[in-house]
Amino acid sequence: MTDWRAVIIGFLVITVLGAIGLTLPGVGQLAAGLVGGFVAGYLAGGGLGRGFWHGLLAGAFGGIVTGLLLALVVGVAGWAGGPVGGLISGVAGIGIFAVAIVLSFVLAIESAIAGALGALLES
């Protein structure tokens, strides 16, 4: 069964470190995913598979929420351009969100591997 407490704490670690990591684009988000996945796996414990699962969930949620916020900002910013600007930025926001969902699941693999390592060290 999923330990949602571990997933949410891992997600919060990814979110906070990801925001701080914006000063180092790419590297900051990579480190945030690794640390957050490790925390989720460590808190969940129970072996490699359980840690992998909890790290995967924490990483995926982090990517989806980040993508949603970015798409929302792009969509709202387009309102300044009037109806046409709103339409263009709305379409761009939907596209950004779709790409962010796909990337979040791909990049969640790093969190899952770190989660498996965290669960292994916890045992």
N, C-alpha and C. Protein backbone atom coordinates (compact mmCIF):
# COMPACT_ATOMS: atom_id res chain seq x y z
N MET A 1 0.84 -1.18 0.00
CA MET A 1 0.00 0.00 0.00
C MET A 1 0.89 1.24 0.00
N THR A 2 0.42 2.28 -0.65
CA THR A 2 1.19 3.51 -0.80
C THR A 2 1.18 4.31 0.49
N ASP A 3 2.36 4.74 0.90
CA ASP A 3 2.51 5.61 2.06
C ASP A 3 2.47 7.05 1.55
N TRP A 4 1.29 7.65 1.57
CA TRP A 4 1.10 8.98 1.00
C TRP A 4 1.87 10.04 1.76
N ARG A 5 2.12 9.81 3.03
CA ARG A 5 2.92 10.76 3.81
C ARG A 5 4.33 10.86 3.21
N ALA A 6 4.92 9.71 2.90
CA ALA A 6 6.26 9.70 2.31
C ALA A 6 6.26 10.36 0.94
N VAL A 7 5.23 10.10 0.14
CA VAL A 7 5.13 10.69 -1.20
C VAL A 7 4.99 12.20 -1.10
N ILE A 8 4.15 12.68 -0.22
CA ILE A 8 3.92 14.12 -0.10
C ILE A 8 5.17 14.83 0.43
N ILE A 9 5.84 14.22 1.39
CA ILE A 9 7.08 14.84 1.90
C ILE A 9 8.14 14.86 0.81
N GLY A 10 8.27 13.77 0.05
CA GLY A 10 9.21 13.74 -1.07
C GLY A 10 8.86 14.79 -2.11
N PHE A 11 7.58 14.92 -2.42
CA PHE A 11 7.11 15.93 -3.37
C PHE A 11 7.45 17.34 -2.87
N LEU A 12 7.24 17.61 -1.59
CA LEU A 12 7.54 18.93 -1.03
C LEU A 12 9.04 19.22 -1.09
N VAL A 13 9.85 18.20 -0.84
CA VAL A 13 11.31 18.38 -0.94
C VAL A 13 11.69 18.71 -2.38
N ILE A 14 11.09 18.00 -3.35
CA ILE A 14 11.37 18.28 -4.76
C ILE A 14 10.94 19.70 -5.12
N THR A 15 9.79 20.11 -4.65
CA THR A 15 9.27 21.44 -4.97
C THR A 15 10.16 22.54 -4.40
N VAL A 16 10.51 22.41 -3.13
CA VAL A 16 11.33 23.44 -2.49
C VAL A 16 12.73 23.49 -3.09
N LEU A 17 13.37 22.32 -3.24
CA LEU A 17 14.71 22.30 -3.82
C LEU A 17 14.69 22.68 -5.29
N GLY A 18 13.61 22.36 -5.99
CA GLY A 18 13.48 22.75 -7.39
C GLY A 18 13.38 24.26 -7.54
N ALA A 19 12.66 24.90 -6.62
CA ALA A 19 12.56 26.36 -6.65
C ALA A 19 13.91 27.00 -6.35
N ILE A 20 14.61 26.45 -5.39
CA ILE A 20 15.96 26.95 -5.08
C ILE A 20 16.91 26.63 -6.23
N GLY A 21 16.70 25.47 -6.85
CA GLY A 21 17.57 25.02 -7.94
C GLY A 21 17.40 25.79 -9.23
N LEU A 22 16.45 26.72 -9.29
CA LEU A 22 16.30 27.53 -10.50
C LEU A 22 17.53 28.37 -10.77
N THR A 23 18.36 28.57 -9.75
CA THR A 23 19.59 29.32 -9.96
C THR A 23 20.60 28.52 -10.78
N LEU A 24 20.45 27.20 -10.78
CA LEU A 24 21.29 26.31 -11.59
C LEU A 24 20.38 25.49 -12.51
N PRO A 25 19.91 26.07 -13.61
CA PRO A 25 18.94 25.37 -14.46
C PRO A 25 19.45 23.98 -14.87
N GLY A 26 18.56 23.02 -14.81
CA GLY A 26 18.90 21.64 -15.18
C GLY A 26 19.50 20.89 -14.01
N VAL A 27 20.65 21.34 -13.53
CA VAL A 27 21.34 20.67 -12.43
C VAL A 27 20.52 20.78 -11.15
N GLY A 28 19.93 21.94 -10.91
CA GLY A 28 19.14 22.15 -9.70
C GLY A 28 17.93 21.23 -9.65
N GLN A 29 17.24 21.08 -10.79
CA GLN A 29 16.07 20.21 -10.84
C GLN A 29 16.46 18.75 -10.75
N LEU A 30 17.59 18.39 -11.34
CA LEU A 30 18.08 17.02 -11.24
C LEU A 30 18.39 16.66 -9.80
N ALA A 31 19.08 17.55 -9.11
CA ALA A 31 19.41 17.32 -7.71
C ALA A 31 18.14 17.28 -6.86
N ALA A 32 17.17 18.14 -7.16
CA ALA A 32 15.92 18.16 -6.40
C ALA A 32 15.18 16.83 -6.56
N GLY A 33 15.14 16.30 -7.78
CA GLY A 33 14.48 15.02 -8.01
C GLY A 33 15.17 13.87 -7.29
N LEU A 34 16.49 13.89 -7.30
CA LEU A 34 17.23 12.83 -6.62
C LEU A 34 17.02 12.89 -5.11
N VAL A 35 17.12 14.06 -4.54
CA VAL A 35 16.97 14.19 -3.08
C VAL A 35 15.54 13.89 -2.66
N GLY A 36 14.56 14.43 -3.39
CA GLY A 36 13.15 14.19 -3.05
C GLY A 36 12.77 12.73 -3.18
N GLY A 37 13.24 12.07 -4.23
CA GLY A 37 12.99 10.64 -4.40
C GLY A 37 13.63 9.82 -3.29
N PHE A 38 14.85 10.19 -2.92
CA PHE A 38 15.54 9.51 -1.84
C PHE A 38 14.76 9.64 -0.53
N VAL A 39 14.29 10.85 -0.25
CA VAL A 39 13.52 11.09 0.98
C VAL A 39 12.24 10.26 0.99
N ALA A 40 11.53 10.24 -0.14
CA ALA A 40 10.28 9.47 -0.22
C ALA A 40 10.55 7.98 -0.01
N GLY A 41 11.60 7.46 -0.65
CA GLY A 41 11.94 6.05 -0.48
C GLY A 41 12.41 5.71 0.91
N TYR A 42 13.19 6.60 1.49
CA TYR A 42 13.69 6.38 2.85
C TYR A 42 12.54 6.35 3.85
N LEU A 43 11.61 7.30 3.72
CA LEU A 43 10.48 7.35 4.65
C LEU A 43 9.55 6.16 4.46
N ALA A 44 9.39 5.70 3.22
CA ALA A 44 8.49 4.57 2.96
C ALA A 44 9.13 3.26 3.41
N GLY A 45 10.45 3.13 3.20
CA GLY A 45 11.14 1.90 3.59
C GLY A 45 10.57 0.68 2.91
N GLY A 46 10.87 -0.48 3.42
CA GLY A 46 10.25 -1.71 2.94
C GLY A 46 10.90 -2.37 1.76
N GLY A 47 12.05 -1.96 1.32
CA GLY A 47 12.73 -2.63 0.22
C GLY A 47 12.80 -1.79 -1.05
N LEU A 48 13.51 -2.36 -2.03
CA LEU A 48 13.77 -1.64 -3.27
C LEU A 48 12.50 -1.28 -4.04
N GLY A 49 11.59 -2.25 -4.18
CA GLY A 49 10.38 -2.01 -4.96
C GLY A 49 9.50 -0.93 -4.35
N ARG A 50 9.36 -0.98 -3.05
CA ARG A 50 8.53 0.01 -2.35
C ARG A 50 9.18 1.40 -2.44
N GLY A 51 10.48 1.48 -2.27
CA GLY A 51 11.18 2.76 -2.39
C GLY A 51 11.10 3.30 -3.81
N PHE A 52 11.23 2.41 -4.80
CA PHE A 52 11.13 2.80 -6.20
C PHE A 52 9.77 3.41 -6.48
N TRP A 53 8.71 2.75 -6.01
CA TRP A 53 7.35 3.22 -6.23
C TRP A 53 7.11 4.60 -5.61
N HIS A 54 7.53 4.78 -4.37
CA HIS A 54 7.29 6.04 -3.68
C HIS A 54 8.12 7.18 -4.29
N GLY A 55 9.36 6.89 -4.69
CA GLY A 55 10.17 7.90 -5.37
C GLY A 55 9.57 8.28 -6.71
N LEU A 56 9.04 7.28 -7.43
CA LEU A 56 8.40 7.53 -8.72
C LEU A 56 7.19 8.45 -8.56
N LEU A 57 6.35 8.16 -7.58
CA LEU A 57 5.17 9.01 -7.35
C LEU A 57 5.56 10.43 -6.97
N ALA A 58 6.53 10.58 -6.08
CA ALA A 58 6.95 11.91 -5.65
C ALA A 58 7.51 12.70 -6.84
N GLY A 59 8.33 12.06 -7.67
CA GLY A 59 8.91 12.74 -8.83
C GLY A 59 7.86 13.10 -9.86
N ALA A 60 6.91 12.21 -10.11
CA ALA A 60 5.87 12.48 -11.09
C ALA A 60 4.97 13.63 -10.64
N PHE A 61 4.59 13.63 -9.37
CA PHE A 61 3.76 14.73 -8.86
C PHE A 61 4.50 16.06 -8.97
N GLY A 62 5.78 16.05 -8.66
CA GLY A 62 6.58 17.27 -8.76
C GLY A 62 6.60 17.82 -10.17
N GLY A 63 6.77 16.95 -11.15
CA GLY A 63 6.79 17.39 -12.54
C GLY A 63 5.44 17.88 -13.02
N ILE A 64 4.38 17.20 -12.63
CA ILE A 64 3.04 17.59 -13.07
C ILE A 64 2.65 18.95 -12.48
N VAL A 65 2.90 19.14 -11.20
CA VAL A 65 2.53 20.41 -10.56
C VAL A 65 3.36 21.56 -11.15
N THR A 66 4.64 21.34 -11.37
CA THR A 66 5.48 22.38 -11.97
C THR A 66 4.99 22.72 -13.38
N GLY A 67 4.66 21.71 -14.16
CA GLY A 67 4.14 21.95 -15.51
C GLY A 67 2.82 22.69 -15.49
N LEU A 68 1.96 22.34 -14.56
CA LEU A 68 0.67 23.01 -14.45
C LEU A 68 0.85 24.48 -14.09
N LEU A 69 1.73 24.77 -13.15
CA LEU A 69 1.97 26.16 -12.77
C LEU A 69 2.58 26.96 -13.91
N LEU A 70 3.52 26.37 -14.64
CA LEU A 70 4.14 27.05 -15.78
C LEU A 70 3.11 27.32 -16.87
N ALA A 71 2.26 26.34 -17.17
CA ALA A 71 1.22 26.52 -18.18
C ALA A 71 0.23 27.60 -17.75
N LEU A 72 -0.10 27.64 -16.48
CA LEU A 72 -1.02 28.65 -15.96
C LEU A 72 -0.43 30.05 -16.09
N VAL A 73 0.84 30.20 -15.78
CA VAL A 73 1.50 31.50 -15.89
C VAL A 73 1.52 31.97 -17.34
N VAL A 74 1.84 31.06 -18.26
CA VAL A 74 1.85 31.43 -19.68
C VAL A 74 0.45 31.81 -20.15
N GLY A 75 -0.55 31.05 -19.73
CA GLY A 75 -1.92 31.35 -20.12
C GLY A 75 -2.41 32.69 -19.59
N VAL A 76 -2.11 32.98 -18.34
CA VAL A 76 -2.54 34.24 -17.73
C VAL A 76 -1.78 35.42 -18.32
N ALA A 77 -0.50 35.24 -18.60
CA ALA A 77 0.30 36.33 -19.17
C ALA A 77 -0.23 36.75 -20.54
N GLY A 78 -0.82 35.84 -21.27
CA GLY A 78 -1.35 36.16 -22.59
C GLY A 78 -2.56 37.06 -22.56
N TRP A 79 -3.24 37.14 -21.44
CA TRP A 79 -4.41 38.02 -21.35
C TRP A 79 -4.04 39.47 -21.58
N ALA A 80 -2.79 39.83 -21.33
CA ALA A 80 -2.34 41.20 -21.56
C ALA A 80 -2.39 41.55 -23.04
N GLY A 81 -2.33 40.53 -23.90
CA GLY A 81 -2.37 40.76 -25.35
C GLY A 81 -3.77 40.79 -25.91
N GLY A 82 -4.77 40.84 -25.07
CA GLY A 82 -6.15 40.87 -25.54
C GLY A 82 -6.65 39.49 -25.91
N PRO A 83 -7.77 39.40 -26.62
CA PRO A 83 -8.35 38.10 -26.95
C PRO A 83 -7.44 37.22 -27.79
N VAL A 84 -6.77 37.81 -28.78
CA VAL A 84 -5.88 37.01 -29.63
C VAL A 84 -4.68 36.53 -28.83
N GLY A 85 -4.11 37.39 -28.03
CA GLY A 85 -2.98 37.00 -27.18
C GLY A 85 -3.39 35.94 -26.18
N GLY A 86 -4.61 36.06 -25.66
CA GLY A 86 -5.11 35.05 -24.72
C GLY A 86 -5.28 33.71 -25.39
N LEU A 87 -5.78 33.71 -26.62
CA LEU A 87 -5.95 32.45 -27.35
C LEU A 87 -4.60 31.80 -27.65
N ILE A 88 -3.66 32.59 -28.12
CA ILE A 88 -2.34 32.05 -28.45
C ILE A 88 -1.64 31.52 -27.20
N SER A 89 -1.66 32.29 -26.13
CA SER A 89 -0.99 31.82 -24.91
C SER A 89 -1.73 30.66 -24.27
N GLY A 90 -3.05 30.60 -24.43
CA GLY A 90 -3.81 29.46 -23.92
C GLY A 90 -3.41 28.18 -24.62
N VAL A 91 -3.27 28.24 -25.94
CA VAL A 91 -2.83 27.06 -26.70
C VAL A 91 -1.40 26.70 -26.31
N ALA A 92 -0.55 27.72 -26.16
CA ALA A 92 0.83 27.46 -25.75
C ALA A 92 0.87 26.85 -24.35
N GLY A 93 0.02 27.34 -23.46
CA GLY A 93 -0.03 26.79 -22.11
C GLY A 93 -0.44 25.33 -22.09
N ILE A 94 -1.42 24.97 -22.93
CA ILE A 94 -1.85 23.57 -23.02
C ILE A 94 -0.71 22.71 -23.56
N GLY A 95 -0.01 23.21 -24.56
CA GLY A 95 1.13 22.48 -25.11
C GLY A 95 2.24 22.29 -24.09
N ILE A 96 2.52 23.34 -23.34
CA ILE A 96 3.55 23.27 -22.30
C ILE A 96 3.16 22.24 -21.25
N PHE A 97 1.89 22.23 -20.85
CA PHE A 97 1.44 21.28 -19.85
C PHE A 97 1.53 19.85 -20.35
N ALA A 98 1.18 19.63 -21.61
CA ALA A 98 1.26 18.27 -22.18
C ALA A 98 2.71 17.78 -22.20
N VAL A 99 3.62 18.63 -22.62
CA VAL A 99 5.03 18.25 -22.64
C VAL A 99 5.53 18.03 -21.22
N ALA A 100 5.10 18.86 -20.27
CA ALA A 100 5.53 18.72 -18.88
C ALA A 100 5.06 17.39 -18.28
N ILE A 101 3.87 16.94 -18.64
CA ILE A 101 3.38 15.66 -18.13
C ILE A 101 4.25 14.52 -18.64
N VAL A 102 4.55 14.53 -19.94
CA VAL A 102 5.39 13.47 -20.51
C VAL A 102 6.78 13.50 -19.86
N LEU A 103 7.36 14.69 -19.76
CA LEU A 103 8.70 14.80 -19.17
C LEU A 103 8.70 14.44 -17.69
N SER A 104 7.61 14.73 -16.99
CA SER A 104 7.58 14.41 -15.56
C SER A 104 7.64 12.91 -15.34
N PHE A 105 7.00 12.14 -16.20
CA PHE A 105 7.05 10.69 -16.04
C PHE A 105 8.42 10.14 -16.45
N VAL A 106 9.02 10.75 -17.45
CA VAL A 106 10.37 10.32 -17.85
C VAL A 106 11.37 10.67 -16.75
N LEU A 107 11.30 11.90 -16.25
CA LEU A 107 12.25 12.34 -15.24
C LEU A 107 11.95 11.76 -13.85
N ALA A 108 10.75 11.21 -13.67
CA ALA A 108 10.43 10.58 -12.39
C ALA A 108 11.25 9.32 -12.18
N ILE A 109 11.81 8.79 -13.25
CA ILE A 109 12.65 7.59 -13.13
C ILE A 109 13.84 7.88 -12.22
N GLU A 110 14.44 9.07 -12.33
CA GLU A 110 15.58 9.40 -11.45
C GLU A 110 15.14 9.41 -9.99
N SER A 111 13.96 9.95 -9.73
CA SER A 111 13.45 9.95 -8.37
C SER A 111 13.16 8.55 -7.88
N ALA A 112 12.68 7.70 -8.79
CA ALA A 112 12.38 6.32 -8.43
C ALA A 112 13.65 5.56 -8.07
N ILE A 113 14.70 5.76 -8.83
CA ILE A 113 15.97 5.08 -8.54
C ILE A 113 16.53 5.57 -7.20
N ALA A 114 16.46 6.88 -6.97
CA ALA A 114 16.91 7.42 -5.69
C ALA A 114 16.03 6.92 -4.55
N GLY A 115 14.72 6.74 -4.80
CA GLY A 115 13.82 6.21 -3.79
C GLY A 115 14.17 4.77 -3.43
N ALA A 116 14.54 3.98 -4.44
CA ALA A 116 14.96 2.60 -4.17
C ALA A 116 16.21 2.59 -3.32
N LEU A 117 17.14 3.47 -3.62
CA LEU A 117 18.37 3.56 -2.82
C LEU A 117 18.05 4.01 -1.39
N GLY A 118 17.14 4.97 -1.25
CA GLY A 118 16.76 5.44 0.09
C GLY A 118 16.11 4.32 0.90
N ALA A 119 15.25 3.53 0.28
CA ALA A 119 14.61 2.42 0.98
C ALA A 119 15.62 1.36 1.36
N LEU A 120 16.61 1.16 0.49
CA LEU A 120 17.64 0.18 0.78
C LEU A 120 18.48 0.60 1.98
N LEU A 121 18.80 1.88 2.06
CA LEU A 121 19.61 2.39 3.18
C LEU A 121 18.81 2.44 4.47
N GLU A 122 17.48 2.58 4.36
CA GLU A 122 16.64 2.63 5.55
C GLU A 122 16.55 1.24 6.20
N SER A 123 16.55 0.21 5.40
CA SER A 123 16.35 -1.16 5.92
C SER A 123 17.46 -1.61 6.80
